[in-house]
Amino acid sequence: MFLKNPSILGGFFLCFPQEFAIYFGVLPKKDYFCENKINMLRKCIILAMIAVSVHSCNSSKARHDASGIFEATEIIVFAEASGRLEVFDLKEGVRLAKGQQVGYIDSTQLYLKKMQLLAAQKTLAAQIDSMATTVNGFDEKFRSLIEQVNDELAKCRIVNPVEGTVLSKYAQTEEIVITGKALYKIANLREMFLWANVPSGQLEKLSVGQEASVYVTASDGSSRKYPGKVTWISDKAAPMPKTMQTQGERQELVYVVKIAVANTDGLIKNGMFGDVGFAR
């Protein structure tokens, strides 16, 4: 293995040209050549061979069952009412709690409408208080109209629907919005999903709920390991993606498998590549 690695041989040759030649018998050993230099060279060569062997073993262990791309479940929050954005001090990258109010749309006209309905209900009740049946009928109608206005007022409050991190913001304070206008995009980046392409030959060994080990390469080159669980397996095969093909895999079919991963340290980002090994 050592002799087949030209980079290591070349490095020793540059550092110890004479010693290198004498050790391998190319030049005769001279009297002025100290024995400890020969011994040092022997030790360096042995250490290099061990390092190459360990690296080879680690490389073989680093082979995983499949690879894929990480994605988070993204949700776009829309306006449920029309009007001016009175408050919307939302910033991208901020983490929000579920149910947290992040702004509101001008509701002045709806509030005035509600006050008018309440006043009209009170006036009508005073005028025909002797006609109990008629009053009860009008009360029900006014109560229904008031509940409708209350629902419209509630929709003026912008309430965050899920816990997560704001990815994008599509509107600004003082902007006029209409019902259905996209306001912001949010995703829970603490729970990521690896969409992996698994060769058809491994599919029979997989099942929903199966444990998995997910690997991500950090910026320093180290590999991070995360526990994962298979949550979905495609029932339809597809060709191996071109970006992941090797010469012997061009005709191989793959199945998409979804693996849930807890992003405990925040290292995993949307669009990152990852590898997975499935528990046997």
C-alpha atoms as a PDB file:
ATOM      1  CA  MET A   1       0.000   0.000   0.000  1.00  0.00           C
ATOM      2  CA  PHE A   2       2.846   2.367   0.925  1.00  0.00           C
ATOM      3  CA  LEU A   3       4.738   1.711  -2.306  1.00  0.00           C
ATOM      4  CA  LYS A   4       1.595   2.494  -4.317  1.00  0.00           C
ATOM      5  CA  ASN A   5       1.256   5.975  -2.788  1.00  0.00           C
ATOM      6  CA  PRO A   6       3.463   8.301  -4.885  1.00  0.00           C
ATOM      7  CA  SER A   7       2.744  11.376  -2.752  1.00  0.00           C
ATOM      8  CA  ILE A   8       4.271   9.790   0.382  1.00  0.00           C
ATOM      9  CA  LEU A   9       7.247   8.360  -1.508  1.00  0.00           C
ATOM     10  CA  GLY A  10       7.893  11.725  -3.143  1.00  0.00           C
ATOM     11  CA  GLY A  11       7.733  13.541   0.177  1.00  0.00           C
ATOM     12  CA  PHE A  12      10.316  11.240   1.771  1.00  0.00           C
ATOM     13  CA  PHE A  13      12.543  11.535  -1.253  1.00  0.00           C
ATOM     14  CA  LEU A  14      12.526  15.341  -1.067  1.00  0.00           C
ATOM     15  CA  CYS A  15      13.231  15.349   2.674  1.00  0.00           C
ATOM     16  CA  PHE A  16      15.822  12.549   2.768  1.00  0.00           C
ATOM     17  CA  PRO A  17      17.271  12.035  -0.734  1.00  0.00           C
ATOM     18  CA  GLN A  18      20.485  10.272   0.307  1.00  0.00           C
ATOM     19  CA  GLU A  19      18.904   8.364   3.176  1.00  0.00           C
ATOM     20  CA  PHE A  20      16.070   7.278   0.929  1.00  0.00           C
ATOM     21  CA  ALA A  21      18.480   5.920  -1.688  1.00  0.00           C
ATOM     22  CA  ILE A  22      20.679   4.111   0.815  1.00  0.00           C
ATOM     23  CA  TYR A  23      17.706   2.562   2.642  1.00  0.00           C
ATOM     24  CA  PHE A  24      16.419   1.001  -0.529  1.00  0.00           C
ATOM     25  CA  GLY A  25      19.899  -0.086  -1.629  1.00  0.00           C
ATOM     26  CA  VAL A  26      20.285   2.317  -4.538  1.00  0.00           C
ATOM     27  CA  LEU A  27      23.492   3.802  -3.043  1.00  0.00           C
ATOM     28  CA  PRO A  28      26.022   2.088  -0.759  1.00  0.00           C
ATOM     29  CA  LYS A  29      26.067   3.035   2.869  1.00  0.00           C
ATOM     30  CA  LYS A  30      29.014   5.300   3.693  1.00  0.00           C
ATOM     31  CA  ASP A  31      30.995   5.499   6.876  1.00  0.00           C
ATOM     32  CA  TYR A  32      29.964   9.034   7.731  1.00  0.00           C
ATOM     33  CA  PHE A  33      26.288   8.036   7.629  1.00  0.00           C
ATOM     34  CA  CYS A  34      24.996   7.738  11.192  1.00  0.00           C
ATOM     35  CA  GLU A  35      23.003   4.662  12.090  1.00  0.00           C
ATOM     36  CA  ASN A  36      20.395   6.732  13.960  1.00  0.00           C
ATOM     37  CA  LYS A  37      19.402   8.457  10.716  1.00  0.00           C
ATOM     38  CA  ILE A  38      18.678   5.099   9.139  1.00  0.00           C
ATOM     39  CA  ASN A  39      16.616   4.126  12.165  1.00  0.00           C
ATOM     40  CA  MET A  40      14.730   7.413  12.068  1.00  0.00           C
ATOM     41  CA  LEU A  41      13.904   6.844   8.408  1.00  0.00           C
ATOM     42  CA  ARG A  42      12.671   3.341   9.150  1.00  0.00           C
ATOM     43  CA  LYS A  43      10.356   4.690  11.855  1.00  0.00           C
ATOM     44  CA  CYS A  44       9.006   7.420   9.545  1.00  0.00           C
ATOM     45  CA  ILE A  45       8.237   4.881   6.835  1.00  0.00           C
ATOM     46  CA  ILE A  46       6.481   2.556   9.274  1.00  0.00           C
ATOM     47  CA  LEU A  47       4.415   5.418  10.703  1.00  0.00           C
ATOM     48  CA  ALA A  48       3.444   6.511   7.210  1.00  0.00           C
ATOM     49  CA  MET A  49       2.332   2.995   6.322  1.00  0.00           C
ATOM     50  CA  ILE A  50       0.199   2.838   9.484  1.00  0.00           C
ATOM     51  CA  ALA A  51      -1.362   6.232   8.720  1.00  0.00           C
ATOM     52  CA  VAL A  52      -2.258   5.171   5.190  1.00  0.00           C
ATOM     53  CA  SER A  53      -3.753   1.917   6.447  1.00  0.00           C
ATOM     54  CA  VAL A  54      -5.861   3.701   9.079  1.00  0.00           C
ATOM     55  CA  HIS A  55      -7.068   6.222   6.509  1.00  0.00           C
ATOM     56  CA  SER A  56      -8.017   3.394   4.167  1.00  0.00           C
ATOM     57  CA  CYS A  57      -9.952   1.639   6.915  1.00  0.00           C
ATOM     58  CA  ASN A  58     -11.761   4.838   7.854  1.00  0.00           C
ATOM     59  CA  SER A  59     -12.638   5.479   4.227  1.00  0.00           C
ATOM     60  CA  SER A  60     -14.181   2.053   3.903  1.00  0.00           C
ATOM     61  CA  LYS A  61     -16.157   2.580   7.110  1.00  0.00           C
ATOM     62  CA  ALA A  62     -17.358   5.981   5.883  1.00  0.00           C
ATOM     63  CA  ARG A  63     -19.308   4.402   3.056  1.00  0.00           C
ATOM     64  CA  HIS A  64     -22.991   4.984   3.684  1.00  0.00           C
ATOM     65  CA  ASP A  65     -26.170   3.437   2.358  1.00  0.00           C
ATOM     66  CA  ALA A  66     -27.493   6.553   0.646  1.00  0.00           C
ATOM     67  CA  SER A  67     -27.085  10.295   0.201  1.00  0.00           C
ATOM     68  CA  GLY A  68     -29.527  13.155  -0.127  1.00  0.00           C
ATOM     69  CA  ILE A  69     -30.424  16.765   0.567  1.00  0.00           C
ATOM     70  CA  PHE A  70     -31.784  18.313   3.761  1.00  0.00           C
ATOM     71  CA  GLU A  71     -35.012  20.283   3.754  1.00  0.00           C
ATOM     72  CA  ALA A  72     -37.228  21.817   6.416  1.00  0.00           C
ATOM     73  CA  THR A  73     -41.010  21.983   6.273  1.00  0.00           C
ATOM     74  CA  GLU A  74     -41.715  25.545   5.158  1.00  0.00           C
ATOM     75  CA  ILE A  75     -44.986  27.415   5.726  1.00  0.00           C
ATOM     76  CA  ILE A  76     -46.029  30.680   4.082  1.00  0.00           C
ATOM     77  CA  VAL A  77     -48.284  32.859   6.237  1.00  0.00           C
ATOM     78  CA  PHE A  78     -50.917  34.895   4.349  1.00  0.00           C
ATOM     79  CA  ALA A  79     -52.986  37.922   5.312  1.00  0.00           C
ATOM     80  CA  GLU A  80     -56.545  36.988   6.305  1.00  0.00           C
ATOM     81  CA  ALA A  81     -57.844  40.550   6.053  1.00  0.00           C
ATOM     82  CA  SER A  82     -57.413  43.612   3.847  1.00  0.00           C
ATOM     83  CA  GLY A  83     -56.060  46.966   4.992  1.00  0.00           C
ATOM     84  CA  ARG A  84     -52.945  48.786   6.125  1.00  0.00           C
ATOM     85  CA  LEU A  85     -50.250  46.894   8.038  1.00  0.00           C
ATOM     86  CA  GLU A  86     -50.211  48.985  11.208  1.00  0.00           C
ATOM     87  CA  VAL A  87     -47.627  46.813  12.977  1.00  0.00           C
ATOM     88  CA  PHE A  88     -45.345  44.233  11.352  1.00  0.00           C
ATOM     89  CA  ASP A  89     -41.888  44.487  12.953  1.00  0.00           C
ATOM     90  CA  LEU A  90     -40.794  41.052  11.833  1.00  0.00           C
ATOM     91  CA  LYS A  91     -37.148  40.259  11.072  1.00  0.00           C
ATOM     92  CA  GLU A  92     -35.707  37.396   9.072  1.00  0.00           C
ATOM     93  CA  GLY A  93     -33.782  34.884  11.165  1.00  0.00           C
ATOM     94  CA  VAL A  94     -35.889  35.507  14.275  1.00  0.00           C
ATOM     95  CA  ARG A  95     -37.360  32.471  16.012  1.00  0.00           C
ATOM     96  CA  LEU A  96     -41.076  32.687  16.793  1.00  0.00           C
ATOM     97  CA  ALA A  97     -43.296  30.692  19.117  1.00  0.00           C
ATOM     98  CA  LYS A  98     -46.553  29.123  18.036  1.00  0.00           C
ATOM     99  CA  GLY A  99     -49.466  31.513  18.671  1.00  0.00           C
ATOM    100  CA  GLN A 100     -47.215  34.569  18.964  1.00  0.00           C
ATOM    101  CA  GLN A 101     -48.739  37.766  17.552  1.00  0.00           C
ATOM    102  CA  VAL A 102     -46.361  39.419  15.103  1.00  0.00           C
ATOM    103  CA  GLY A 103     -48.500  42.312  13.840  1.00  0.00           C
ATOM    104  CA  TYR A 104     -51.960  43.508  12.948  1.00  0.00           C
ATOM    105  CA  ILE A 105     -53.888  45.054  10.070  1.00  0.00           C
ATOM    106  CA  ASP A 106     -55.895  48.245  10.502  1.00  0.00           C
ATOM    107  CA  SER A 107     -59.325  47.299  11.886  1.00  0.00           C
ATOM    108  CA  THR A 108     -60.827  50.744  12.486  1.00  0.00           C
ATOM    109  CA  GLN A 109     -63.740  50.311  10.096  1.00  0.00           C
ATOM    110  CA  LEU A 110     -64.612  46.895  11.478  1.00  0.00           C
ATOM    111  CA  TYR A 111     -64.573  48.227  15.034  1.00  0.00           C
ATOM    112  CA  LEU A 112     -66.925  51.093  14.076  1.00  0.00           C
ATOM    113  CA  LYS A 113     -69.226  48.608  12.349  1.00  0.00           C
ATOM    114  CA  LYS A 114     -69.363  46.543  15.526  1.00  0.00           C
ATOM    115  CA  MET A 115     -70.207  49.610  17.633  1.00  0.00           C
ATOM    116  CA  GLN A 116     -73.008  50.522  15.236  1.00  0.00           C
ATOM    117  CA  LEU A 117     -74.473  47.053  15.453  1.00  0.00           C
ATOM    118  CA  LEU A 118     -74.393  47.105  19.252  1.00  0.00           C
ATOM    119  CA  ALA A 119     -76.059  50.512  19.346  1.00  0.00           C
ATOM    120  CA  ALA A 120     -78.747  49.489  16.876  1.00  0.00           C
ATOM    121  CA  GLN A 121     -79.428  46.323  18.854  1.00  0.00           C
ATOM    122  CA  LYS A 122     -79.881  48.300  22.060  1.00  0.00           C
ATOM    123  CA  THR A 123     -82.147  50.887  20.436  1.00  0.00           C
ATOM    124  CA  LEU A 124     -84.356  48.301  18.804  1.00  0.00           C
ATOM    125  CA  ALA A 125     -84.706  46.366  22.028  1.00  0.00           C
ATOM    126  CA  ALA A 126     -85.857  49.508  23.846  1.00  0.00           C
ATOM    127  CA  GLN A 127     -88.463  50.361  21.192  1.00  0.00           C
ATOM    128  CA  ILE A 128     -90.199  46.981  21.051  1.00  0.00           C
ATOM    129  CA  ASP A 129     -89.596  45.535  24.499  1.00  0.00           C
ATOM    130  CA  SER A 130     -93.284  44.560  24.704  1.00  0.00           C
ATOM    131  CA  MET A 131     -93.021  42.216  21.720  1.00  0.00           C
ATOM    132  CA  ALA A 132     -90.859  39.472  23.243  1.00  0.00           C
ATOM    133  CA  THR A 133     -90.982  37.099  20.290  1.00  0.00           C
ATOM    134  CA  THR A 134     -89.982  39.776  17.794  1.00  0.00           C
ATOM    135  CA  VAL A 135     -87.188  41.056  20.035  1.00  0.00           C
ATOM    136  CA  ASN A 136     -85.755  37.542  20.405  1.00  0.00           C
ATOM    137  CA  GLY A 137     -85.720  37.145  16.640  1.00  0.00           C
ATOM    138  CA  PHE A 138     -83.899  40.426  16.123  1.00  0.00           C
ATOM    139  CA  ASP A 139     -81.471  39.605  18.948  1.00  0.00           C
ATOM    140  CA  GLU A 140     -80.440  36.424  17.193  1.00  0.00           C
ATOM    141  CA  LYS A 141     -79.862  38.294  13.939  1.00  0.00           C
ATOM    142  CA  PHE A 142     -77.798  41.035  15.621  1.00  0.00           C
ATOM    143  CA  ARG A 143     -75.847  38.438  17.603  1.00  0.00           C
ATOM    144  CA  SER A 144     -74.962  36.642  14.365  1.00  0.00           C
ATOM    145  CA  LEU A 145     -73.819  39.887  12.706  1.00  0.00           C
ATOM    146  CA  ILE A 146     -71.706  40.829  15.720  1.00  0.00           C
ATOM    147  CA  GLU A 147     -70.040  37.405  15.806  1.00  0.00           C
ATOM    148  CA  GLN A 148     -69.222  37.799  12.125  1.00  0.00           C
ATOM    149  CA  VAL A 149     -67.563  41.163  12.786  1.00  0.00           C
ATOM    150  CA  ASN A 150     -65.648  39.686  15.746  1.00  0.00           C
ATOM    151  CA  ASP A 151     -64.298  36.974  13.452  1.00  0.00           C
ATOM    152  CA  GLU A 152     -63.160  39.601  10.933  1.00  0.00           C
ATOM    153  CA  LEU A 153     -61.519  41.588  13.728  1.00  0.00           C
ATOM    154  CA  ALA A 154     -59.635  38.471  14.907  1.00  0.00           C
ATOM    155  CA  LYS A 155     -58.292  37.958  11.385  1.00  0.00           C
ATOM    156  CA  CYS A 156     -56.744  41.431  11.512  1.00  0.00           C
ATOM    157  CA  ARG A 157     -54.327  40.076  14.118  1.00  0.00           C
ATOM    158  CA  ILE A 158     -51.337  38.342  12.487  1.00  0.00           C
ATOM    159  CA  VAL A 159     -50.671  35.284  14.636  1.00  0.00           C
ATOM    160  CA  ASN A 160     -47.786  32.927  13.945  1.00  0.00           C
ATOM    161  CA  PRO A 161     -49.170  29.407  13.302  1.00  0.00           C
ATOM    162  CA  VAL A 162     -46.102  27.256  14.080  1.00  0.00           C
ATOM    163  CA  GLU A 163     -42.897  27.401  16.061  1.00  0.00           C
ATOM    164  CA  GLY A 164     -39.928  28.124  13.827  1.00  0.00           C
ATOM    165  CA  THR A 165     -37.485  30.572  12.264  1.00  0.00           C
ATOM    166  CA  VAL A 166     -38.515  33.326   9.841  1.00  0.00           C
ATOM    167  CA  LEU A 167     -36.875  32.592   6.482  1.00  0.00           C
ATOM    168  CA  SER A 168     -38.305  35.388   4.317  1.00  0.00           C
ATOM    169  CA  LYS A 169     -40.418  38.510   4.794  1.00  0.00           C
ATOM    170  CA  TYR A 170     -42.706  39.641   1.955  1.00  0.00           C
ATOM    171  CA  ALA A 171     -44.411  42.762   3.353  1.00  0.00           C
ATOM    172  CA  GLN A 172     -43.526  45.880   5.338  1.00  0.00           C
ATOM    173  CA  THR A 173     -45.206  48.073   7.944  1.00  0.00           C
ATOM    174  CA  GLU A 174     -47.601  50.668   6.443  1.00  0.00           C
ATOM    175  CA  GLU A 175     -48.030  48.581   3.304  1.00  0.00           C
ATOM    176  CA  ILE A 176     -51.581  48.047   2.037  1.00  0.00           C
ATOM    177  CA  VAL A 177     -52.348  44.332   1.844  1.00  0.00           C
ATOM    178  CA  ILE A 178     -55.302  42.326   0.648  1.00  0.00           C
ATOM    179  CA  THR A 179     -56.660  38.991   1.814  1.00  0.00           C
ATOM    180  CA  GLY A 180     -54.352  36.231   0.553  1.00  0.00           C
ATOM    181  CA  LYS A 181     -51.229  38.403   0.386  1.00  0.00           C
ATOM    182  CA  ALA A 182     -48.086  36.452   1.439  1.00  0.00           C
ATOM    183  CA  LEU A 183     -46.573  38.030   4.550  1.00  0.00           C
ATOM    184  CA  TYR A 184     -43.655  35.787   5.525  1.00  0.00           C
ATOM    185  CA  LYS A 185     -42.205  32.278   5.299  1.00  0.00           C
ATOM    186  CA  ILE A 186     -41.323  30.254   8.396  1.00  0.00           C
ATOM    187  CA  ALA A 187     -39.798  26.810   9.033  1.00  0.00           C
ATOM    188  CA  ASN A 188     -38.844  24.768  12.064  1.00  0.00           C
ATOM    189  CA  LEU A 189     -35.106  24.353  11.441  1.00  0.00           C
ATOM    190  CA  ARG A 190     -34.706  22.219  14.549  1.00  0.00           C
ATOM    191  CA  GLU A 191     -36.467  19.370  12.782  1.00  0.00           C
ATOM    192  CA  MET A 192     -34.941  18.693   9.379  1.00  0.00           C
ATOM    193  CA  PHE A 193     -35.688  16.013   6.816  1.00  0.00           C
ATOM    194  CA  LEU A 194     -33.137  14.218   4.663  1.00  0.00           C
ATOM    195  CA  TRP A 195     -34.563  13.225   1.276  1.00  0.00           C
ATOM    196  CA  ALA A 196     -32.276  10.366   0.292  1.00  0.00           C
ATOM    197  CA  ASN A 197     -32.126   8.292  -2.891  1.00  0.00           C
ATOM    198  CA  VAL A 198     -31.901   4.644  -1.876  1.00  0.00           C
ATOM    199  CA  PRO A 199     -30.930   2.001  -4.472  1.00  0.00           C
ATOM    200  CA  SER A 200     -33.690  -0.495  -5.193  1.00  0.00           C
ATOM    201  CA  GLY A 201     -31.554  -3.359  -3.880  1.00  0.00           C
ATOM    202  CA  GLN A 202     -31.704  -1.904  -0.343  1.00  0.00           C
ATOM    203  CA  LEU A 203     -35.412  -1.131  -0.314  1.00  0.00           C
ATOM    204  CA  GLU A 204     -36.509  -4.509   1.049  1.00  0.00           C
ATOM    205  CA  LYS A 205     -34.400  -3.858   4.150  1.00  0.00           C
ATOM    206  CA  LEU A 206     -36.156  -0.571   4.967  1.00  0.00           C
ATOM    207  CA  SER A 207     -39.399   0.192   6.776  1.00  0.00           C
ATOM    208  CA  VAL A 208     -41.155   3.268   8.119  1.00  0.00           C
ATOM    209  CA  GLY A 209     -40.049   3.935  11.689  1.00  0.00           C
ATOM    210  CA  GLN A 210     -36.645   2.334  11.180  1.00  0.00           C
ATOM    211  CA  GLU A 211     -33.715   3.973  12.977  1.00  0.00           C
ATOM    212  CA  ALA A 212     -30.910   5.549  10.944  1.00  0.00           C
ATOM    213  CA  SER A 213     -27.620   7.385  11.427  1.00  0.00           C
ATOM    214  CA  VAL A 214     -27.269  10.622   9.482  1.00  0.00           C
ATOM    215  CA  TYR A 215     -23.873  12.181   8.720  1.00  0.00           C
ATOM    216  CA  VAL A 216     -23.044  15.793   7.857  1.00  0.00           C
ATOM    217  CA  THR A 217     -19.653  17.278   7.019  1.00  0.00           C
ATOM    218  CA  ALA A 218     -18.906  20.404   9.077  1.00  0.00           C
ATOM    219  CA  SER A 219     -16.938  23.422   7.819  1.00  0.00           C
ATOM    220  CA  ASP A 220     -13.762  22.107   9.471  1.00  0.00           C
ATOM    221  CA  GLY A 221     -14.020  18.848   7.520  1.00  0.00           C
ATOM    222  CA  SER A 222     -15.152  16.748  10.469  1.00  0.00           C
ATOM    223  CA  SER A 223     -18.161  14.464  10.217  1.00  0.00           C
ATOM    224  CA  ARG A 224     -21.127  14.982  12.561  1.00  0.00           C
ATOM    225  CA  LYS A 225     -23.509  12.147  13.353  1.00  0.00           C
ATOM    226  CA  TYR A 226     -27.209  12.598  14.126  1.00  0.00           C
ATOM    227  CA  PRO A 227     -29.911  10.074  14.997  1.00  0.00           C
ATOM    228  CA  GLY A 228     -32.676   9.796  12.429  1.00  0.00           C
ATOM    229  CA  LYS A 229     -35.845   7.871  11.695  1.00  0.00           C
ATOM    230  CA  VAL A 230     -37.434   6.840   8.408  1.00  0.00           C
ATOM    231  CA  THR A 231     -40.821   8.578   8.103  1.00  0.00           C
ATOM    232  CA  TRP A 232     -41.751   7.909   4.469  1.00  0.00           C
ATOM    233  CA  ILE A 233     -40.716   5.627   1.601  1.00  0.00           C
ATOM    234  CA  SER A 234     -41.698   6.312  -1.996  1.00  0.00           C
ATOM    235  CA  ASP A 235     -43.714   3.606  -3.726  1.00  0.00           C
ATOM    236  CA  LYS A 236     -42.435   4.598  -7.158  1.00  0.00           C
ATOM    237  CA  ALA A 237     -38.930   4.080  -8.526  1.00  0.00           C
ATOM    238  CA  ALA A 238     -36.959   6.720 -10.430  1.00  0.00           C
ATOM    239  CA  PRO A 239     -33.599   6.768 -12.255  1.00  0.00           C
ATOM    240  CA  MET A 240     -30.512   7.635 -10.233  1.00  0.00           C
ATOM    241  CA  PRO A 241     -30.056  11.458 -10.278  1.00  0.00           C
ATOM    242  CA  LYS A 242     -27.262  12.519 -12.638  1.00  0.00           C
ATOM    243  CA  THR A 243     -25.483  14.454  -9.901  1.00  0.00           C
ATOM    244  CA  MET A 244     -25.136  11.245  -7.873  1.00  0.00           C
ATOM    245  CA  GLN A 245     -24.345   8.774 -10.651  1.00  0.00           C
ATOM    246  CA  THR A 246     -21.205   6.739 -10.914  1.00  0.00           C
ATOM    247  CA  GLN A 247     -20.271   4.801 -14.000  1.00  0.00           C
ATOM    248  CA  GLY A 248     -21.829   1.629 -12.642  1.00  0.00           C
ATOM    249  CA  GLU A 249     -25.013   3.286 -11.366  1.00  0.00           C
ATOM    250  CA  ARG A 250     -26.391   4.909 -14.511  1.00  0.00           C
ATOM    251  CA  GLN A 251     -28.975   2.197 -15.063  1.00  0.00           C
ATOM    252  CA  GLU A 252     -29.857   1.726 -11.382  1.00  0.00           C
ATOM    253  CA  LEU A 253     -33.257   2.711 -10.029  1.00  0.00           C
ATOM    254  CA  VAL A 254     -33.694   4.457  -6.698  1.00  0.00           C
ATOM    255  CA  TYR A 255     -36.508   5.138  -4.255  1.00  0.00           C
ATOM    256  CA  VAL A 256     -36.848   8.402  -2.361  1.00  0.00           C
ATOM    257  CA  VAL A 257     -36.783   7.949   1.410  1.00  0.00           C
ATOM    258  CA  LYS A 258     -37.583  10.681   3.937  1.00  0.00           C
ATOM    259  CA  ILE A 259     -35.606  10.639   7.198  1.00  0.00           C
ATOM    260  CA  ALA A 260     -36.474  12.914  10.134  1.00  0.00           C
ATOM    261  CA  VAL A 261     -33.410  14.373  11.862  1.00  0.00           C
ATOM    262  CA  ALA A 262     -33.236  16.465  15.043  1.00  0.00           C
ATOM    263  CA  ASN A 263     -30.987  19.445  14.225  1.00  0.00           C
ATOM    264  CA  THR A 264     -29.817  19.764  17.824  1.00  0.00           C
ATOM    265  CA  ASP A 265     -26.790  22.005  17.203  1.00  0.00           C
ATOM    266  CA  GLY A 266     -28.169  24.006  14.267  1.00  0.00           C
ATOM    267  CA  LEU A 267     -25.423  22.841  11.915  1.00  0.00           C
ATOM    268  CA  ILE A 268     -27.804  21.408   9.312  1.00  0.00           C
ATOM    269  CA  LYS A 269     -29.078  23.973   6.812  1.00  0.00           C
ATOM    270  CA  ASN A 270     -31.620  23.869   4.024  1.00  0.00           C
ATOM    271  CA  GLY A 271     -30.094  22.439   0.864  1.00  0.00           C
ATOM    272  CA  MET A 272     -27.085  20.789   2.540  1.00  0.00           C
ATOM    273  CA  PHE A 273     -25.978  17.327   1.471  1.00  0.00           C
ATOM    274  CA  GLY A 274     -26.018  14.465   3.922  1.00  0.00           C
ATOM    275  CA  ASP A 275     -25.353  10.737   4.098  1.00  0.00           C
ATOM    276  CA  VAL A 276     -27.324   8.068   5.893  1.00  0.00           C
ATOM    277  CA  GLY A 277     -26.697   4.589   7.209  1.00  0.00           C
ATOM    278  CA  PHE A 278     -29.671   2.429   8.118  1.00  0.00           C
ATOM    279  CA  ALA A 279     -29.785   0.240  11.210  1.00  0.00           C
ATOM    280  CA  ARG A 280     -29.763  -3.467  10.398  1.00  0.00           C
END
